Amino acid sequence: MTRRDTDVLVIGTGLAGCAAALAAARGGARVLMLTKQARPEESNTWYAQGGIIYEGERDSAERLAADIEAAGAGLCDRAAVDLLSREGPRLVKDLLIDDVGVPFDRGPGGALDLTAEAAHSVPRIVHHADGTGRSIGYTGSFAWFGTLMPFTPATANNKILVAMTCISATGTNVIGGIAVQI
């Protein structure tokens, strides 16, 4: 088995894993991402169809939190609800819209096409057709990882932004990997 030294180990290659890896790498850490899947984009994010919470007109963190609590029938973790309602919309804008450039659907005037799903009291969901997760994963993989190249020890230097090695479900053989140079 090959040994790799890393500052941060991220398990999972969906939106949360990619965002964590990107933040750590931008902070100067050497990051290794692992997935049990044969392809790095294979994640729950890839299969998400609907949309993702953003911010609607006349919306607020308090209104979003109330909608989440209503949808959760009072069983929600209050700290998680507070964090999501305060930070979620800003992170969607900063990371997915501004940084990555996910092509969310837009109306005739170019504004984001916001919809209401589930228990949301205002339209605040951004989406891309009926494959939002796939769009996030596809667009994000190129934005976050740039030009893909095989991961080899020769590329493991201080120019690596993120190195991803895909490990098989048994954890015994390396299937493939990608690395980014800045």
N, C-alpha and C. Protein backbone atom coordinates (compact mmCIF):
# COMPACT_ATOMS: atom_id res chain seq x y z
N MET A 1 0.85 -1.17 0.00
CA MET A 1 0.00 0.00 0.00
C MET A 1 0.90 1.24 0.00
N THR A 2 0.50 2.24 -0.77
CA THR A 2 1.24 3.49 -0.86
C THR A 2 0.86 4.41 0.30
N ARG A 3 1.86 5.02 0.89
CA ARG A 3 1.62 5.97 1.97
C ARG A 3 1.69 7.39 1.41
N ARG A 4 0.72 8.21 1.78
CA ARG A 4 0.70 9.61 1.36
C ARG A 4 0.55 10.47 2.60
N ASP A 5 1.40 11.47 2.72
CA ASP A 5 1.30 12.42 3.82
C ASP A 5 0.39 13.56 3.40
N THR A 6 -0.44 14.00 4.32
CA THR A 6 -1.37 15.09 4.02
C THR A 6 -1.66 15.88 5.28
N ASP A 7 -2.01 17.12 5.12
CA ASP A 7 -2.42 17.94 6.26
C ASP A 7 -3.88 17.71 6.59
N VAL A 8 -4.70 17.54 5.56
CA VAL A 8 -6.14 17.38 5.73
C VAL A 8 -6.61 16.21 4.88
N LEU A 9 -7.38 15.33 5.48
CA LEU A 9 -7.99 14.21 4.77
C LEU A 9 -9.49 14.47 4.71
N VAL A 10 -10.03 14.53 3.49
CA VAL A 10 -11.46 14.74 3.29
C VAL A 10 -12.03 13.45 2.73
N ILE A 11 -13.03 12.91 3.40
CA ILE A 11 -13.67 11.68 2.93
C ILE A 11 -14.99 12.07 2.29
N GLY A 12 -15.07 11.87 0.97
CA GLY A 12 -16.26 12.23 0.22
C GLY A 12 -15.96 13.31 -0.79
N THR A 13 -16.58 13.20 -1.95
CA THR A 13 -16.30 14.12 -3.05
C THR A 13 -17.53 14.86 -3.53
N GLY A 14 -18.54 14.94 -2.68
CA GLY A 14 -19.72 15.72 -3.00
C GLY A 14 -19.48 17.18 -2.71
N LEU A 15 -20.54 17.96 -2.68
CA LEU A 15 -20.43 19.40 -2.47
C LEU A 15 -19.74 19.72 -1.14
N ALA A 16 -20.12 19.06 -0.06
CA ALA A 16 -19.52 19.34 1.25
C ALA A 16 -18.03 19.00 1.25
N GLY A 17 -17.68 17.85 0.70
CA GLY A 17 -16.27 17.46 0.66
C GLY A 17 -15.44 18.40 -0.19
N CYS A 18 -15.97 18.77 -1.35
CA CYS A 18 -15.23 19.68 -2.24
C CYS A 18 -15.07 21.06 -1.61
N ALA A 19 -16.11 21.55 -0.95
CA ALA A 19 -16.03 22.86 -0.30
C ALA A 19 -15.01 22.82 0.84
N ALA A 20 -15.00 21.76 1.63
CA ALA A 20 -14.04 21.63 2.73
C ALA A 20 -12.61 21.55 2.19
N ALA A 21 -12.42 20.76 1.14
CA ALA A 21 -11.10 20.61 0.56
C ALA A 21 -10.59 21.93 -0.02
N LEU A 22 -11.48 22.64 -0.70
CA LEU A 22 -11.10 23.92 -1.29
C LEU A 22 -10.71 24.93 -0.21
N ALA A 23 -11.49 25.00 0.86
CA ALA A 23 -11.18 25.93 1.96
C ALA A 23 -9.84 25.59 2.59
N ALA A 24 -9.61 24.31 2.83
CA ALA A 24 -8.34 23.91 3.44
C ALA A 24 -7.16 24.20 2.51
N ALA A 25 -7.32 23.89 1.23
CA ALA A 25 -6.25 24.13 0.26
C ALA A 25 -5.95 25.61 0.12
N ARG A 26 -6.99 26.43 0.11
CA ARG A 26 -6.78 27.88 0.02
C ARG A 26 -6.11 28.42 1.28
N GLY A 27 -6.23 27.68 2.38
CA GLY A 27 -5.55 28.05 3.61
C GLY A 27 -4.12 27.54 3.67
N GLY A 28 -3.68 26.87 2.62
CA GLY A 28 -2.29 26.41 2.55
C GLY A 28 -2.08 24.95 2.89
N ALA A 29 -3.14 24.22 3.19
CA ALA A 29 -3.00 22.81 3.56
C ALA A 29 -2.83 21.92 2.34
N ARG A 30 -2.11 20.82 2.54
CA ARG A 30 -2.06 19.76 1.54
C ARG A 30 -3.28 18.88 1.81
N VAL A 31 -4.12 18.71 0.80
CA VAL A 31 -5.41 18.04 0.99
C VAL A 31 -5.46 16.75 0.18
N LEU A 32 -5.96 15.70 0.81
CA LEU A 32 -6.21 14.44 0.12
C LEU A 32 -7.68 14.13 0.28
N MET A 33 -8.37 13.88 -0.84
CA MET A 33 -9.79 13.53 -0.82
C MET A 33 -9.92 12.06 -1.17
N LEU A 34 -10.77 11.35 -0.43
CA LEU A 34 -11.00 9.94 -0.69
C LEU A 34 -12.47 9.70 -1.00
N THR A 35 -12.71 8.76 -1.89
CA THR A 35 -14.07 8.32 -2.17
C THR A 35 -14.03 6.82 -2.40
N LYS A 36 -15.09 6.14 -2.04
CA LYS A 36 -15.16 4.70 -2.28
C LYS A 36 -15.67 4.39 -3.68
N GLN A 37 -16.06 5.42 -4.41
CA GLN A 37 -16.63 5.23 -5.74
C GLN A 37 -15.53 5.12 -6.81
N ALA A 38 -15.88 4.57 -7.94
CA ALA A 38 -14.93 4.42 -9.04
C ALA A 38 -14.65 5.76 -9.73
N ARG A 39 -15.61 6.68 -9.64
CA ARG A 39 -15.44 8.00 -10.27
C ARG A 39 -15.62 9.08 -9.22
N PRO A 40 -14.77 10.11 -9.20
CA PRO A 40 -14.85 11.13 -8.15
C PRO A 40 -16.19 11.87 -8.09
N GLU A 41 -16.85 12.04 -9.22
CA GLU A 41 -18.11 12.79 -9.21
C GLU A 41 -19.27 11.97 -8.66
N GLU A 42 -19.08 10.70 -8.47
CA GLU A 42 -20.13 9.82 -7.96
C GLU A 42 -20.35 10.13 -6.48
N SER A 43 -21.43 10.87 -6.20
CA SER A 43 -21.74 11.29 -4.83
C SER A 43 -23.23 11.58 -4.74
N ASN A 44 -23.71 11.81 -3.54
CA ASN A 44 -25.12 12.19 -3.39
C ASN A 44 -25.41 13.50 -4.08
N THR A 45 -24.44 14.42 -4.08
CA THR A 45 -24.63 15.70 -4.76
C THR A 45 -25.00 15.49 -6.22
N TRP A 46 -24.33 14.58 -6.89
CA TRP A 46 -24.53 14.32 -8.32
C TRP A 46 -25.98 13.96 -8.62
N TYR A 47 -26.65 13.29 -7.68
CA TYR A 47 -28.01 12.79 -7.92
C TYR A 47 -29.11 13.73 -7.43
N ALA A 48 -28.76 14.84 -6.81
CA ALA A 48 -29.77 15.79 -6.31
C ALA A 48 -30.50 16.41 -7.50
N GLN A 49 -31.82 16.32 -7.50
CA GLN A 49 -32.59 16.80 -8.64
C GLN A 49 -33.16 18.20 -8.43
N GLY A 50 -33.76 18.46 -7.31
CA GLY A 50 -34.49 19.70 -7.10
C GLY A 50 -33.64 20.94 -7.18
N GLY A 51 -33.28 21.50 -6.07
CA GLY A 51 -32.50 22.72 -6.05
C GLY A 51 -31.79 22.86 -4.73
N ILE A 52 -31.31 24.07 -4.48
CA ILE A 52 -30.57 24.33 -3.26
C ILE A 52 -31.04 25.67 -2.69
N ILE A 53 -31.11 25.75 -1.38
CA ILE A 53 -31.61 26.97 -0.71
C ILE A 53 -30.71 28.15 -1.04
N TYR A 54 -31.35 29.24 -1.44
CA TYR A 54 -30.66 30.50 -1.65
C TYR A 54 -31.42 31.55 -0.84
N GLU A 55 -31.68 32.69 -1.40
CA GLU A 55 -32.38 33.75 -0.68
C GLU A 55 -33.44 34.36 -1.59
N GLY A 56 -34.67 34.37 -1.11
CA GLY A 56 -35.76 34.94 -1.89
C GLY A 56 -35.95 36.42 -1.61
N GLU A 57 -36.86 37.02 -2.36
CA GLU A 57 -37.21 38.42 -2.11
C GLU A 57 -37.89 38.53 -0.76
N ARG A 58 -37.59 39.58 -0.04
CA ARG A 58 -38.15 39.82 1.29
C ARG A 58 -37.95 38.61 2.20
N ASP A 59 -36.81 37.96 2.05
CA ASP A 59 -36.47 36.78 2.84
C ASP A 59 -35.56 37.18 3.99
N SER A 60 -35.40 36.32 4.95
CA SER A 60 -34.50 36.58 6.08
C SER A 60 -34.05 35.24 6.66
N ALA A 61 -32.99 35.31 7.44
CA ALA A 61 -32.50 34.10 8.12
C ALA A 61 -33.57 33.56 9.06
N GLU A 62 -34.30 34.46 9.70
CA GLU A 62 -35.36 34.04 10.64
C GLU A 62 -36.49 33.32 9.91
N ARG A 63 -36.87 33.84 8.76
CA ARG A 63 -37.95 33.21 7.98
C ARG A 63 -37.51 31.84 7.47
N LEU A 64 -36.27 31.74 6.99
CA LEU A 64 -35.74 30.46 6.52
C LEU A 64 -35.70 29.46 7.68
N ALA A 65 -35.22 29.90 8.84
CA ALA A 65 -35.17 29.01 10.00
C ALA A 65 -36.56 28.51 10.37
N ALA A 66 -37.54 29.38 10.35
CA ALA A 66 -38.92 28.97 10.67
C ALA A 66 -39.43 27.94 9.67
N ASP A 67 -39.11 28.12 8.38
CA ASP A 67 -39.53 27.16 7.36
C ASP A 67 -38.85 25.81 7.56
N ILE A 68 -37.58 25.83 7.91
CA ILE A 68 -36.85 24.57 8.14
C ILE A 68 -37.45 23.85 9.35
N GLU A 69 -37.72 24.60 10.41
CA GLU A 69 -38.32 24.00 11.61
C GLU A 69 -39.70 23.40 11.29
N ALA A 70 -40.48 24.11 10.48
CA ALA A 70 -41.80 23.59 10.11
C ALA A 70 -41.68 22.30 9.30
N ALA A 71 -40.74 22.29 8.37
CA ALA A 71 -40.54 21.09 7.55
C ALA A 71 -40.05 19.92 8.39
N GLY A 72 -39.29 20.22 9.44
CA GLY A 72 -38.75 19.18 10.30
C GLY A 72 -39.64 18.79 11.45
N ALA A 73 -40.85 19.32 11.48
CA ALA A 73 -41.84 18.98 12.50
C ALA A 73 -41.28 19.13 13.91
N GLY A 74 -40.40 20.13 14.11
CA GLY A 74 -39.86 20.38 15.44
C GLY A 74 -38.75 19.43 15.87
N LEU A 75 -38.31 18.57 14.98
CA LEU A 75 -37.27 17.59 15.32
C LEU A 75 -35.87 18.04 14.90
N CYS A 76 -35.73 19.25 14.44
CA CYS A 76 -34.46 19.75 13.94
C CYS A 76 -33.50 20.11 15.06
N ASP A 77 -32.23 20.00 14.80
CA ASP A 77 -31.19 20.47 15.70
C ASP A 77 -31.13 22.00 15.55
N ARG A 78 -31.46 22.72 16.59
CA ARG A 78 -31.59 24.18 16.51
C ARG A 78 -30.28 24.85 16.08
N ALA A 79 -29.16 24.36 16.57
CA ALA A 79 -27.87 24.96 16.19
C ALA A 79 -27.61 24.78 14.70
N ALA A 80 -27.96 23.62 14.17
CA ALA A 80 -27.78 23.37 12.73
C ALA A 80 -28.70 24.26 11.90
N VAL A 81 -29.93 24.41 12.35
CA VAL A 81 -30.89 25.27 11.65
C VAL A 81 -30.39 26.71 11.64
N ASP A 82 -29.94 27.18 12.79
CA ASP A 82 -29.44 28.56 12.88
C ASP A 82 -28.24 28.78 11.96
N LEU A 83 -27.32 27.84 11.95
CA LEU A 83 -26.13 27.95 11.09
C LEU A 83 -26.53 27.95 9.61
N LEU A 84 -27.37 27.00 9.22
CA LEU A 84 -27.80 26.93 7.82
C LEU A 84 -28.55 28.19 7.40
N SER A 85 -29.44 28.67 8.23
CA SER A 85 -30.24 29.84 7.84
C SER A 85 -29.41 31.12 7.81
N ARG A 86 -28.38 31.21 8.64
CA ARG A 86 -27.51 32.39 8.63
C ARG A 86 -26.47 32.34 7.51
N GLU A 87 -25.85 31.19 7.32
CA GLU A 87 -24.70 31.09 6.42
C GLU A 87 -25.00 30.48 5.05
N GLY A 88 -26.01 29.64 4.97
CA GLY A 88 -26.30 28.92 3.74
C GLY A 88 -26.45 29.78 2.50
N PRO A 89 -27.38 30.75 2.51
CA PRO A 89 -27.56 31.57 1.31
C PRO A 89 -26.29 32.31 0.87
N ARG A 90 -25.54 32.83 1.83
CA ARG A 90 -24.29 33.53 1.48
C ARG A 90 -23.28 32.57 0.86
N LEU A 91 -23.17 31.37 1.41
CA LEU A 91 -22.23 30.39 0.86
C LEU A 91 -22.63 29.93 -0.54
N VAL A 92 -23.92 29.79 -0.78
CA VAL A 92 -24.38 29.45 -2.12
C VAL A 92 -23.96 30.54 -3.11
N LYS A 93 -24.15 31.78 -2.72
CA LYS A 93 -23.76 32.89 -3.59
C LYS A 93 -22.24 32.92 -3.79
N ASP A 94 -21.50 32.92 -2.68
CA ASP A 94 -20.04 33.04 -2.77
C ASP A 94 -19.41 31.86 -3.51
N LEU A 95 -19.79 30.65 -3.15
CA LEU A 95 -19.13 29.47 -3.70
C LEU A 95 -19.73 29.00 -5.02
N LEU A 96 -21.03 28.76 -5.04
CA LEU A 96 -21.63 28.14 -6.22
C LEU A 96 -21.93 29.13 -7.35
N ILE A 97 -22.37 30.34 -7.00
CA ILE A 97 -22.72 31.31 -8.04
C ILE A 97 -21.50 32.11 -8.48
N ASP A 98 -20.82 32.76 -7.51
CA ASP A 98 -19.71 33.65 -7.87
C ASP A 98 -18.41 32.91 -8.19
N ASP A 99 -18.03 31.94 -7.35
CA ASP A 99 -16.75 31.27 -7.51
C ASP A 99 -16.79 30.19 -8.59
N VAL A 100 -17.72 29.29 -8.49
CA VAL A 100 -17.79 28.14 -9.40
C VAL A 100 -18.55 28.47 -10.69
N GLY A 101 -19.58 29.30 -10.59
CA GLY A 101 -20.35 29.66 -11.78
C GLY A 101 -21.34 28.60 -12.21
N VAL A 102 -21.98 27.94 -11.24
CA VAL A 102 -22.99 26.94 -11.59
C VAL A 102 -24.08 27.63 -12.42
N PRO A 103 -24.45 27.06 -13.55
CA PRO A 103 -25.43 27.72 -14.43
C PRO A 103 -26.88 27.51 -13.98
N PHE A 104 -27.20 28.08 -12.83
CA PHE A 104 -28.58 27.98 -12.35
C PHE A 104 -29.51 28.63 -13.36
N ASP A 105 -30.74 28.11 -13.45
CA ASP A 105 -31.72 28.66 -14.38
C ASP A 105 -32.01 30.12 -14.05
N ARG A 106 -32.24 30.87 -15.11
CA ARG A 106 -32.53 32.31 -14.97
C ARG A 106 -33.78 32.64 -15.77
N GLY A 107 -34.44 33.70 -15.34
CA GLY A 107 -35.63 34.17 -16.03
C GLY A 107 -35.25 35.01 -17.24
N PRO A 108 -36.26 35.52 -17.97
CA PRO A 108 -36.02 36.32 -19.18
C PRO A 108 -35.14 37.54 -18.95
N GLY A 109 -35.20 38.16 -17.78
CA GLY A 109 -34.39 39.34 -17.49
C GLY A 109 -33.00 39.01 -16.96
N GLY A 110 -32.70 37.72 -16.80
CA GLY A 110 -31.38 37.33 -16.31
C GLY A 110 -31.30 37.07 -14.82
N ALA A 111 -32.39 37.36 -14.09
CA ALA A 111 -32.40 37.10 -12.65
C ALA A 111 -32.54 35.60 -12.40
N LEU A 112 -32.03 35.14 -11.27
CA LEU A 112 -32.16 33.73 -10.92
C LEU A 112 -33.63 33.35 -10.86
N ASP A 113 -33.96 32.17 -11.39
CA ASP A 113 -35.32 31.65 -11.37
C ASP A 113 -35.52 30.92 -10.04
N LEU A 114 -36.08 31.60 -9.07
CA LEU A 114 -36.28 31.03 -7.73
C LEU A 114 -37.61 30.30 -7.68
N THR A 115 -37.61 29.13 -7.07
CA THR A 115 -38.84 28.37 -6.89
C THR A 115 -39.05 28.10 -5.41
N ALA A 116 -40.26 27.67 -5.07
CA ALA A 116 -40.58 27.27 -3.70
C ALA A 116 -40.76 25.76 -3.71
N GLU A 117 -40.10 25.09 -2.80
CA GLU A 117 -40.25 23.64 -2.67
C GLU A 117 -40.63 23.32 -1.24
N ALA A 118 -41.25 22.20 -1.06
CA ALA A 118 -41.59 21.66 0.27
C ALA A 118 -42.24 22.73 1.14
N ALA A 119 -41.68 22.99 2.32
CA ALA A 119 -42.30 23.90 3.29
C ALA A 119 -41.80 25.33 3.19
N HIS A 120 -41.15 25.69 2.10
CA HIS A 120 -40.65 27.06 1.98
C HIS A 120 -41.81 28.02 1.75
N SER A 121 -41.83 29.09 2.54
CA SER A 121 -42.92 30.06 2.46
C SER A 121 -42.71 31.09 1.37
N VAL A 122 -41.49 31.18 0.85
CA VAL A 122 -41.18 32.09 -0.25
C VAL A 122 -40.33 31.34 -1.27
N PRO A 123 -40.38 31.74 -2.54
CA PRO A 123 -39.48 31.13 -3.52
C PRO A 123 -38.03 31.51 -3.19
N ARG A 124 -37.20 30.51 -2.88
CA ARG A 124 -35.80 30.76 -2.53
C ARG A 124 -34.87 29.64 -3.02
N ILE A 125 -35.38 28.74 -3.84
CA ILE A 125 -34.59 27.61 -4.31
C ILE A 125 -34.02 27.91 -5.69
N VAL A 126 -32.69 27.85 -5.82
CA VAL A 126 -32.06 27.97 -7.13
C VAL A 126 -31.90 26.55 -7.67
N HIS A 127 -31.98 26.41 -8.99
CA HIS A 127 -31.97 25.08 -9.59
C HIS A 127 -31.41 25.17 -11.00
N HIS A 128 -31.08 24.00 -11.53
CA HIS A 128 -30.70 23.91 -12.94
C HIS A 128 -31.51 22.76 -13.53
N ALA A 129 -32.55 23.11 -14.26
CA ALA A 129 -33.47 22.12 -14.83
C ALA A 129 -33.89 21.16 -13.72
N ASP A 130 -33.81 19.86 -13.98
CA ASP A 130 -34.13 18.88 -12.95
C ASP A 130 -32.88 18.08 -12.60
N GLY A 131 -31.72 18.72 -12.71
CA GLY A 131 -30.46 18.05 -12.41
C GLY A 131 -29.49 19.00 -11.74
N THR A 132 -29.95 19.66 -10.69
CA THR A 132 -29.12 20.66 -10.02
C THR A 132 -27.83 20.05 -9.49
N GLY A 133 -27.91 18.91 -8.86
CA GLY A 133 -26.72 18.28 -8.30
C GLY A 133 -25.69 17.93 -9.35
N ARG A 134 -26.16 17.41 -10.46
CA ARG A 134 -25.25 17.06 -11.55
C ARG A 134 -24.58 18.33 -12.09
N SER A 135 -25.33 19.41 -12.19
CA SER A 135 -24.77 20.67 -12.66
C SER A 135 -23.73 21.21 -11.68
N ILE A 136 -24.03 21.11 -10.38
CA ILE A 136 -23.07 21.54 -9.37
C ILE A 136 -21.81 20.68 -9.46
N GLY A 137 -22.00 19.38 -9.54
CA GLY A 137 -20.85 18.47 -9.60
C GLY A 137 -20.01 18.65 -10.84
N TYR A 138 -20.67 18.78 -11.98
CA TYR A 138 -19.95 18.91 -13.25
C TYR A 138 -19.23 20.25 -13.34
N THR A 139 -19.96 21.33 -13.07
CA THR A 139 -19.35 22.66 -13.13
C THR A 139 -18.29 22.80 -12.06
N GLY A 140 -18.61 22.34 -10.86
CA GLY A 140 -17.68 22.45 -9.74
C GLY A 140 -16.40 21.68 -9.94
N SER A 141 -16.48 20.49 -10.54
CA SER A 141 -15.26 19.70 -10.71
C SER A 141 -14.25 20.43 -11.57
N PHE A 142 -14.70 21.15 -12.59
CA PHE A 142 -13.77 21.89 -13.43
C PHE A 142 -13.31 23.17 -12.75
N ALA A 143 -14.22 23.83 -12.03
CA ALA A 143 -13.85 25.08 -11.36
C ALA A 143 -12.92 24.81 -10.18
N TRP A 144 -13.23 23.76 -9.39
CA TRP A 144 -12.42 23.48 -8.21
C TRP A 144 -11.11 22.81 -8.56
N PHE A 145 -11.14 21.92 -9.52
CA PHE A 145 -9.95 21.11 -9.78
C PHE A 145 -9.20 21.53 -11.03
N GLY A 146 -9.75 22.45 -11.82
CA GLY A 146 -9.04 22.96 -13.00
C GLY A 146 -8.73 21.87 -14.00
N THR A 147 -7.56 21.94 -14.58
CA THR A 147 -7.14 20.95 -15.56
C THR A 147 -6.79 19.65 -14.84
N LEU A 148 -7.40 18.57 -15.26
CA LEU A 148 -7.17 17.29 -14.61
C LEU A 148 -5.91 16.63 -15.17
N MET A 149 -5.16 16.02 -14.29
CA MET A 149 -3.97 15.28 -14.70
C MET A 149 -3.81 14.10 -13.76
N PRO A 150 -3.11 13.07 -14.18
CA PRO A 150 -2.91 11.93 -13.29
C PRO A 150 -2.13 12.37 -12.05
N PHE A 151 -2.49 11.83 -10.90
CA PHE A 151 -1.76 12.13 -9.67
C PHE A 151 -0.57 11.19 -9.60
N THR A 152 0.58 11.74 -9.58
CA THR A 152 1.81 10.95 -9.43
C THR A 152 2.69 11.65 -8.41
N PRO A 153 3.62 10.92 -7.78
CA PRO A 153 4.51 11.58 -6.83
C PRO A 153 5.26 12.76 -7.44
N ALA A 154 5.48 12.75 -8.74
CA ALA A 154 6.20 13.85 -9.39
C ALA A 154 5.41 15.15 -9.33
N THR A 155 4.09 15.07 -9.24
CA THR A 155 3.30 16.30 -9.17
C THR A 155 3.02 16.72 -7.73
N ALA A 156 3.45 15.92 -6.77
CA ALA A 156 3.18 16.21 -5.36
C ALA A 156 4.19 17.22 -4.84
N ASN A 157 3.97 18.48 -5.13
CA ASN A 157 4.84 19.55 -4.64
C ASN A 157 3.99 20.72 -4.18
N ASN A 158 4.62 21.83 -3.87
CA ASN A 158 3.87 22.95 -3.32
C ASN A 158 2.97 23.64 -4.32
N LYS A 159 2.93 23.20 -5.57
CA LYS A 159 2.03 23.80 -6.55
C LYS A 159 0.69 23.08 -6.61
N ILE A 160 0.53 22.04 -5.83
CA ILE A 160 -0.72 21.29 -5.85
C ILE A 160 -1.76 22.03 -5.01
N LEU A 161 -2.90 22.29 -5.58
CA LEU A 161 -4.00 22.88 -4.84
C LEU A 161 -4.78 21.78 -4.14
N VAL A 162 -5.23 20.82 -4.88
CA VAL A 162 -5.97 19.69 -4.32
C VAL A 162 -5.53 18.43 -5.04
N ALA A 163 -5.27 17.39 -4.29
CA ALA A 163 -4.99 16.08 -4.89
C ALA A 163 -6.10 15.15 -4.45
N MET A 164 -6.67 14.44 -5.37
CA MET A 164 -7.74 13.51 -5.04
C MET A 164 -7.33 12.14 -5.51
N THR A 165 -7.34 11.20 -4.61
CA THR A 165 -7.06 9.83 -4.96
C THR A 165 -8.31 9.02 -4.66
N CYS A 166 -8.77 8.29 -5.62
CA CYS A 166 -9.98 7.50 -5.44
C CYS A 166 -9.58 6.10 -5.02
N ILE A 167 -10.05 5.68 -3.87
CA ILE A 167 -9.74 4.37 -3.33
C ILE A 167 -10.95 3.46 -3.56
N SER A 168 -10.69 2.22 -3.87
CA SER A 168 -11.80 1.29 -4.09
C SER A 168 -12.56 1.06 -2.79
N ALA A 169 -13.73 0.46 -2.90
CA ALA A 169 -14.56 0.21 -1.72
C ALA A 169 -13.83 -0.65 -0.70
N THR A 170 -12.93 -1.51 -1.15
CA THR A 170 -12.18 -2.35 -0.21
C THR A 170 -11.00 -1.61 0.39
N GLY A 171 -10.66 -0.46 -0.18
CA GLY A 171 -9.57 0.34 0.35
C GLY A 171 -8.19 -0.20 0.00
N THR A 172 -8.12 -1.15 -0.91
CA THR A 172 -6.84 -1.78 -1.17
C THR A 172 -6.14 -1.32 -2.44
N ASN A 173 -6.87 -0.81 -3.39
CA ASN A 173 -6.18 -0.40 -4.63
C ASN A 173 -6.60 1.00 -5.07
N VAL A 174 -5.65 1.72 -5.61
CA VAL A 174 -5.92 3.06 -6.11
C VAL A 174 -6.54 2.92 -7.49
N ILE A 175 -7.71 3.54 -7.67
CA ILE A 175 -8.39 3.48 -8.97
C ILE A 175 -7.93 4.60 -9.87
N GLY A 176 -7.76 5.77 -9.33
CA GLY A 176 -7.35 6.90 -10.13
C GLY A 176 -7.23 8.12 -9.27
N GLY A 177 -6.81 9.21 -9.85
CA GLY A 177 -6.68 10.41 -9.04
C GLY A 177 -6.58 11.63 -9.92
N ILE A 178 -6.76 12.77 -9.32
CA ILE A 178 -6.61 14.02 -10.04
C ILE A 178 -5.84 14.99 -9.17
N ALA A 179 -5.20 15.92 -9.78
CA ALA A 179 -4.48 16.95 -9.04
C ALA A 179 -4.61 18.26 -9.81
N VAL A 180 -4.45 19.35 -9.10
CA VAL A 180 -4.55 20.66 -9.71
C VAL A 180 -3.28 21.45 -9.44
N GLN A 181 -2.77 22.10 -10.43
CA GLN A 181 -1.65 22.99 -10.23
C GLN A 181 -2.14 24.41 -10.32
N ILE A 182 -1.58 25.28 -9.46
CA ILE A 182 -1.95 26.70 -9.52
C ILE A 182 -0.77 27.51 -10.03
